[in-house]
Amino acid sequence: MLKRQYDNDFKLNTVKLVVEEGKVASQVARDLGITSKMHYGWIAQYKDDPKHPFVGSGHLKPEAQAARDLERENRELREENKILKKALRIVSPDRK
């Protein structure tokens, strides 16, 4: 069975029908041909974080992306530091 993927705009529009227009979630899901369980999940994600409700597929929330970038930078700087220490030992054998 092929799993259908829905873009963020579609999800947001279906959620807004319920949250802002007061439509019944199960009826909206039925009308659009999606499962109620899926639609209720989208609504929960939206209520949890309205600014960035549907992250996934390799995308992260801005805070998580910033943390990941800092971790990567820290790892790279540690590696560069190790290389520089080794180079210093080669150039100055009397230093430790």
N, C-alpha and C. Protein backbone atom coordinates (compact mmCIF):
# COMPACT_ATOMS: atom_id res chain seq x y z
N MET A 1 0.84 -1.18 0.00
CA MET A 1 0.00 0.00 0.00
C MET A 1 0.88 1.24 0.00
N LEU A 2 0.61 2.17 -0.86
CA LEU A 2 1.39 3.39 -0.99
C LEU A 2 0.96 4.41 0.06
N LYS A 3 1.92 4.89 0.81
CA LYS A 3 1.63 5.87 1.85
C LYS A 3 1.64 7.26 1.23
N ARG A 4 0.54 7.94 1.33
CA ARG A 4 0.40 9.27 0.76
C ARG A 4 1.00 10.29 1.70
N GLN A 5 1.75 11.24 1.14
CA GLN A 5 2.31 12.31 1.96
C GLN A 5 1.60 13.60 1.63
N TYR A 6 1.34 14.38 2.65
CA TYR A 6 0.63 15.65 2.50
C TYR A 6 1.57 16.78 2.85
N ASP A 7 1.53 17.85 2.07
CA ASP A 7 2.41 18.97 2.35
C ASP A 7 1.88 19.80 3.53
N ASN A 8 2.74 20.65 4.04
CA ASN A 8 2.39 21.43 5.23
C ASN A 8 1.20 22.35 5.00
N ASP A 9 1.07 22.91 3.79
CA ASP A 9 -0.05 23.81 3.50
C ASP A 9 -1.38 23.06 3.59
N PHE A 10 -1.41 21.85 3.05
CA PHE A 10 -2.63 21.04 3.11
C PHE A 10 -3.00 20.76 4.57
N LYS A 11 -2.00 20.33 5.35
CA LYS A 11 -2.25 20.02 6.76
C LYS A 11 -2.76 21.25 7.50
N LEU A 12 -2.09 22.38 7.26
CA LEU A 12 -2.47 23.62 7.95
C LEU A 12 -3.88 24.04 7.59
N ASN A 13 -4.24 23.92 6.32
CA ASN A 13 -5.60 24.30 5.89
C ASN A 13 -6.66 23.40 6.51
N THR A 14 -6.36 22.10 6.61
CA THR A 14 -7.35 21.20 7.21
C THR A 14 -7.50 21.47 8.70
N VAL A 15 -6.41 21.80 9.36
CA VAL A 15 -6.46 22.10 10.79
C VAL A 15 -7.22 23.40 11.03
N LYS A 16 -6.97 24.39 10.20
CA LYS A 16 -7.64 25.68 10.37
C LYS A 16 -9.16 25.57 10.17
N LEU A 17 -9.59 24.63 9.34
CA LEU A 17 -11.03 24.41 9.18
C LEU A 17 -11.66 24.04 10.51
N VAL A 18 -10.92 23.31 11.32
CA VAL A 18 -11.43 22.87 12.62
C VAL A 18 -11.19 23.93 13.69
N VAL A 19 -9.96 24.41 13.78
CA VAL A 19 -9.58 25.32 14.87
C VAL A 19 -10.20 26.70 14.71
N GLU A 20 -10.15 27.24 13.50
CA GLU A 20 -10.62 28.62 13.30
C GLU A 20 -12.06 28.71 12.84
N GLU A 21 -12.50 27.74 12.04
CA GLU A 21 -13.86 27.82 11.51
C GLU A 21 -14.85 26.97 12.29
N GLY A 22 -14.36 26.17 13.22
CA GLY A 22 -15.24 25.40 14.09
C GLY A 22 -15.90 24.19 13.45
N LYS A 23 -15.35 23.71 12.34
CA LYS A 23 -15.92 22.52 11.70
C LYS A 23 -15.56 21.28 12.50
N VAL A 24 -16.30 20.21 12.29
CA VAL A 24 -16.07 18.95 13.00
C VAL A 24 -14.90 18.22 12.34
N ALA A 25 -13.90 17.87 13.13
CA ALA A 25 -12.66 17.28 12.62
C ALA A 25 -12.92 15.99 11.84
N SER A 26 -13.76 15.12 12.37
CA SER A 26 -14.01 13.85 11.69
C SER A 26 -14.71 14.07 10.34
N GLN A 27 -15.58 15.05 10.27
CA GLN A 27 -16.27 15.34 9.01
C GLN A 27 -15.30 15.93 7.99
N VAL A 28 -14.43 16.82 8.43
CA VAL A 28 -13.42 17.40 7.53
C VAL A 28 -12.53 16.29 6.99
N ALA A 29 -12.11 15.39 7.87
CA ALA A 29 -11.26 14.27 7.46
C ALA A 29 -11.98 13.41 6.43
N ARG A 30 -13.23 13.09 6.68
CA ARG A 30 -14.01 12.28 5.75
C ARG A 30 -14.14 12.97 4.40
N ASP A 31 -14.45 14.28 4.43
CA ASP A 31 -14.63 15.04 3.18
C ASP A 31 -13.35 15.09 2.35
N LEU A 32 -12.20 15.11 3.03
CA LEU A 32 -10.92 15.21 2.32
C LEU A 32 -10.27 13.87 2.04
N GLY A 33 -10.88 12.80 2.52
CA GLY A 33 -10.35 11.46 2.25
C GLY A 33 -9.13 11.10 3.07
N ILE A 34 -9.04 11.66 4.26
CA ILE A 34 -7.95 11.29 5.16
C ILE A 34 -8.55 10.64 6.40
N THR A 35 -7.72 9.93 7.15
CA THR A 35 -8.25 9.27 8.35
C THR A 35 -8.43 10.29 9.47
N SER A 36 -9.40 10.03 10.30
CA SER A 36 -9.64 10.91 11.45
C SER A 36 -8.45 10.91 12.39
N LYS A 37 -7.85 9.74 12.55
CA LYS A 37 -6.68 9.62 13.44
C LYS A 37 -5.56 10.54 12.96
N MET A 38 -5.31 10.54 11.65
CA MET A 38 -4.27 11.39 11.08
C MET A 38 -4.62 12.87 11.30
N HIS A 39 -5.87 13.20 11.07
CA HIS A 39 -6.30 14.59 11.19
C HIS A 39 -6.20 15.07 12.64
N TYR A 40 -6.63 14.24 13.59
CA TYR A 40 -6.52 14.61 14.99
C TYR A 40 -5.05 14.77 15.40
N GLY A 41 -4.18 13.97 14.80
CA GLY A 41 -2.74 14.12 15.06
C GLY A 41 -2.23 15.47 14.59
N TRP A 42 -2.66 15.88 13.40
CA TRP A 42 -2.26 17.19 12.87
C TRP A 42 -2.77 18.32 13.77
N ILE A 43 -3.99 18.16 14.25
CA ILE A 43 -4.57 19.18 15.13
C ILE A 43 -3.75 19.27 16.41
N ALA A 44 -3.37 18.13 16.96
CA ALA A 44 -2.57 18.12 18.19
C ALA A 44 -1.21 18.78 17.96
N GLN A 45 -0.59 18.47 16.83
CA GLN A 45 0.70 19.09 16.51
C GLN A 45 0.55 20.60 16.39
N TYR A 46 -0.51 21.05 15.77
CA TYR A 46 -0.75 22.48 15.60
C TYR A 46 -0.97 23.15 16.96
N LYS A 47 -1.76 22.53 17.80
CA LYS A 47 -2.02 23.12 19.12
C LYS A 47 -0.77 23.13 19.99
N ASP A 48 0.10 22.13 19.81
CA ASP A 48 1.35 22.04 20.57
C ASP A 48 2.32 23.16 20.19
N ASP A 49 2.41 23.48 18.89
CA ASP A 49 3.33 24.53 18.42
C ASP A 49 2.77 25.15 17.16
N PRO A 50 1.92 26.17 17.29
CA PRO A 50 1.28 26.77 16.12
C PRO A 50 2.24 27.42 15.13
N LYS A 51 3.41 27.87 15.59
CA LYS A 51 4.36 28.53 14.68
C LYS A 51 5.07 27.53 13.78
N HIS A 52 5.40 26.35 14.30
CA HIS A 52 6.11 25.32 13.54
C HIS A 52 5.46 23.97 13.80
N PRO A 53 4.23 23.78 13.33
CA PRO A 53 3.50 22.57 13.73
C PRO A 53 3.94 21.28 13.03
N PHE A 54 4.33 21.35 11.78
CA PHE A 54 4.53 20.12 11.02
C PHE A 54 5.97 20.00 10.55
N VAL A 55 6.85 19.66 11.46
CA VAL A 55 8.23 19.41 11.07
C VAL A 55 8.40 17.92 10.86
N GLY A 56 9.39 17.58 10.13
CA GLY A 56 9.64 16.18 9.84
C GLY A 56 10.29 16.06 8.48
N SER A 57 10.48 14.86 8.03
CA SER A 57 11.11 14.59 6.75
C SER A 57 12.46 15.31 6.64
N GLY A 58 13.25 15.23 7.71
CA GLY A 58 14.57 15.83 7.69
C GLY A 58 14.60 17.27 8.14
N HIS A 59 13.46 17.85 8.43
CA HIS A 59 13.41 19.23 8.89
C HIS A 59 13.26 19.25 10.41
N LEU A 60 13.86 20.27 11.01
CA LEU A 60 13.78 20.40 12.46
C LEU A 60 13.18 21.75 12.83
N LYS A 61 12.70 21.83 14.04
CA LYS A 61 12.26 23.13 14.56
C LYS A 61 13.49 24.01 14.68
N PRO A 62 13.33 25.32 14.58
CA PRO A 62 14.49 26.22 14.60
C PRO A 62 15.41 26.01 15.81
N GLU A 63 14.84 25.78 16.99
CA GLU A 63 15.66 25.58 18.18
C GLU A 63 16.50 24.30 18.05
N ALA A 64 15.88 23.25 17.56
CA ALA A 64 16.58 21.97 17.41
C ALA A 64 17.66 22.08 16.33
N GLN A 65 17.38 22.82 15.27
CA GLN A 65 18.37 23.02 14.22
C GLN A 65 19.56 23.81 14.74
N ALA A 66 19.30 24.84 15.56
CA ALA A 66 20.38 25.64 16.13
C ALA A 66 21.26 24.78 17.04
N ALA A 67 20.63 23.94 17.85
CA ALA A 67 21.38 23.05 18.74
C ALA A 67 22.23 22.08 17.92
N ARG A 68 21.66 21.53 16.86
CA ARG A 68 22.40 20.61 16.01
C ARG A 68 23.59 21.31 15.36
N ASP A 69 23.39 22.53 14.89
CA ASP A 69 24.47 23.29 14.27
C ASP A 69 25.60 23.57 15.26
N LEU A 70 25.22 23.93 16.50
CA LEU A 70 26.24 24.18 17.52
C LEU A 70 27.02 22.92 17.87
N GLU A 71 26.33 21.79 17.95
CA GLU A 71 27.01 20.52 18.23
C GLU A 71 28.00 20.18 17.11
N ARG A 72 27.58 20.39 15.87
CA ARG A 72 28.46 20.12 14.73
C ARG A 72 29.68 21.03 14.78
N GLU A 73 29.46 22.32 15.05
CA GLU A 73 30.57 23.27 15.11
C GLU A 73 31.53 22.90 16.24
N ASN A 74 30.98 22.51 17.39
CA ASN A 74 31.80 22.10 18.52
C ASN A 74 32.66 20.89 18.15
N ARG A 75 32.08 19.91 17.49
CA ARG A 75 32.80 18.71 17.06
C ARG A 75 33.94 19.08 16.12
N GLU A 76 33.65 19.97 15.14
CA GLU A 76 34.68 20.38 14.18
C GLU A 76 35.81 21.14 14.87
N LEU A 77 35.48 22.01 15.82
CA LEU A 77 36.51 22.76 16.53
C LEU A 77 37.39 21.85 17.38
N ARG A 78 36.80 20.85 18.01
CA ARG A 78 37.58 19.89 18.79
C ARG A 78 38.55 19.13 17.89
N GLU A 79 38.07 18.75 16.72
CA GLU A 79 38.93 18.02 15.77
C GLU A 79 40.08 18.92 15.30
N GLU A 80 39.78 20.17 14.98
CA GLU A 80 40.82 21.11 14.56
C GLU A 80 41.83 21.31 15.68
N ASN A 81 41.34 21.41 16.90
CA ASN A 81 42.23 21.58 18.05
C ASN A 81 43.17 20.39 18.19
N LYS A 82 42.65 19.17 18.02
CA LYS A 82 43.49 17.97 18.09
C LYS A 82 44.57 18.00 17.02
N ILE A 83 44.18 18.40 15.80
CA ILE A 83 45.14 18.45 14.70
C ILE A 83 46.23 19.47 14.98
N LEU A 84 45.86 20.64 15.50
CA LEU A 84 46.84 21.68 15.81
C LEU A 84 47.80 21.22 16.91
N LYS A 85 47.30 20.52 17.91
CA LYS A 85 48.16 20.01 18.97
C LYS A 85 49.17 19.01 18.41
N LYS A 86 48.73 18.13 17.52
CA LYS A 86 49.63 17.16 16.90
C LYS A 86 50.68 17.88 16.05
N ALA A 87 50.24 18.89 15.31
CA ALA A 87 51.18 19.64 14.48
C ALA A 87 52.21 20.36 15.35
N LEU A 88 51.80 20.90 16.47
CA LEU A 88 52.72 21.59 17.38
C LEU A 88 53.76 20.62 17.92
N ARG A 89 53.36 19.39 18.24
CA ARG A 89 54.30 18.38 18.72
C ARG A 89 55.31 18.01 17.65
N ILE A 90 54.88 17.99 16.40
CA ILE A 90 55.80 17.66 15.30
C ILE A 90 56.79 18.78 15.09
N VAL A 91 56.32 20.00 15.10
CA VAL A 91 57.17 21.16 14.85
C VAL A 91 58.09 21.44 16.04
N SER A 92 57.59 21.28 17.23
CA SER A 92 58.36 21.55 18.46
C SER A 92 58.42 20.30 19.31
N PRO A 93 59.35 19.40 19.01
CA PRO A 93 59.38 18.13 19.75
C PRO A 93 59.69 18.29 21.25
N ASP A 94 60.29 19.41 21.65
CA ASP A 94 60.60 19.58 23.07
C ASP A 94 59.39 20.06 23.86
N ARG A 95 58.30 20.45 23.20
CA ARG A 95 57.06 20.89 23.89
C ARG A 95 56.08 19.73 23.97
N LYS A 96 55.29 19.72 24.97
CA LYS A 96 54.27 18.68 25.11
C LYS A 96 52.91 19.26 25.02
